[in-house]
Amino acid sequence: MNKLKRLIQHAVKTPQSVNRAFPPDVLKRIEETIAEGERTHSGEIRFAVEAALPWSYLRRNAPARERAEMLFGKLRVWDTEDNNGVLIYVELADQRIEVVADRGVARHVPNARWDEISNMMRERFRTGEFQEGSIAAVRAVSELLVERFRLPDGATNPNQLSDAPTVL
């Protein structure tokens, strides 16, 4: 993509863009879906969304993936007891969706599965289905976590990370 075009796309995306796509009731529903999934596995899911990349990323034409990986650390998704945290990152200006999994999950789930989830979300977002796409993605991540980190019957999962989506 042309660098000037990308700068313009990011300049016109404001926090209002996030509010239109992810109003408070949608963010609440995403939070509830994360909590629901985490009752079935020991993993931790974080959801982060921002309108546009910070200038420091745009200046050097950095990809959204780099931002997602930085947020993975900043939001402490890596800091779970079993290294089984997953970040779903949405960046609206470039229409990028990145799923970043900690090493405990990544060694069991091929990148193609994360790409499937990202692609599904992107398709839903193109038709304006931000809530539906986000909920479906959280559920898909939970299903993958259940395959490897299912909680035994009667066990509880101490919440190590916030279930609330982060709006940047």
Foldseek 3Di string as FASTA:
>chain_A
DDLVVLVVLQVPFDLVVCCVLQPPVLLVVQLVLQVVLQFFFQEHEAEEEEAADDPVCSVVVHDVVVVQVVVCVVQPQCVGPQQFGWYWYAYNSVRFTFIDGGPSLPVPDDPVLRVVLRVQLSVCVVVSNNSVSSSVSSVSSSVSRSVPGTDPPPDGHDHPGRSGYHYD
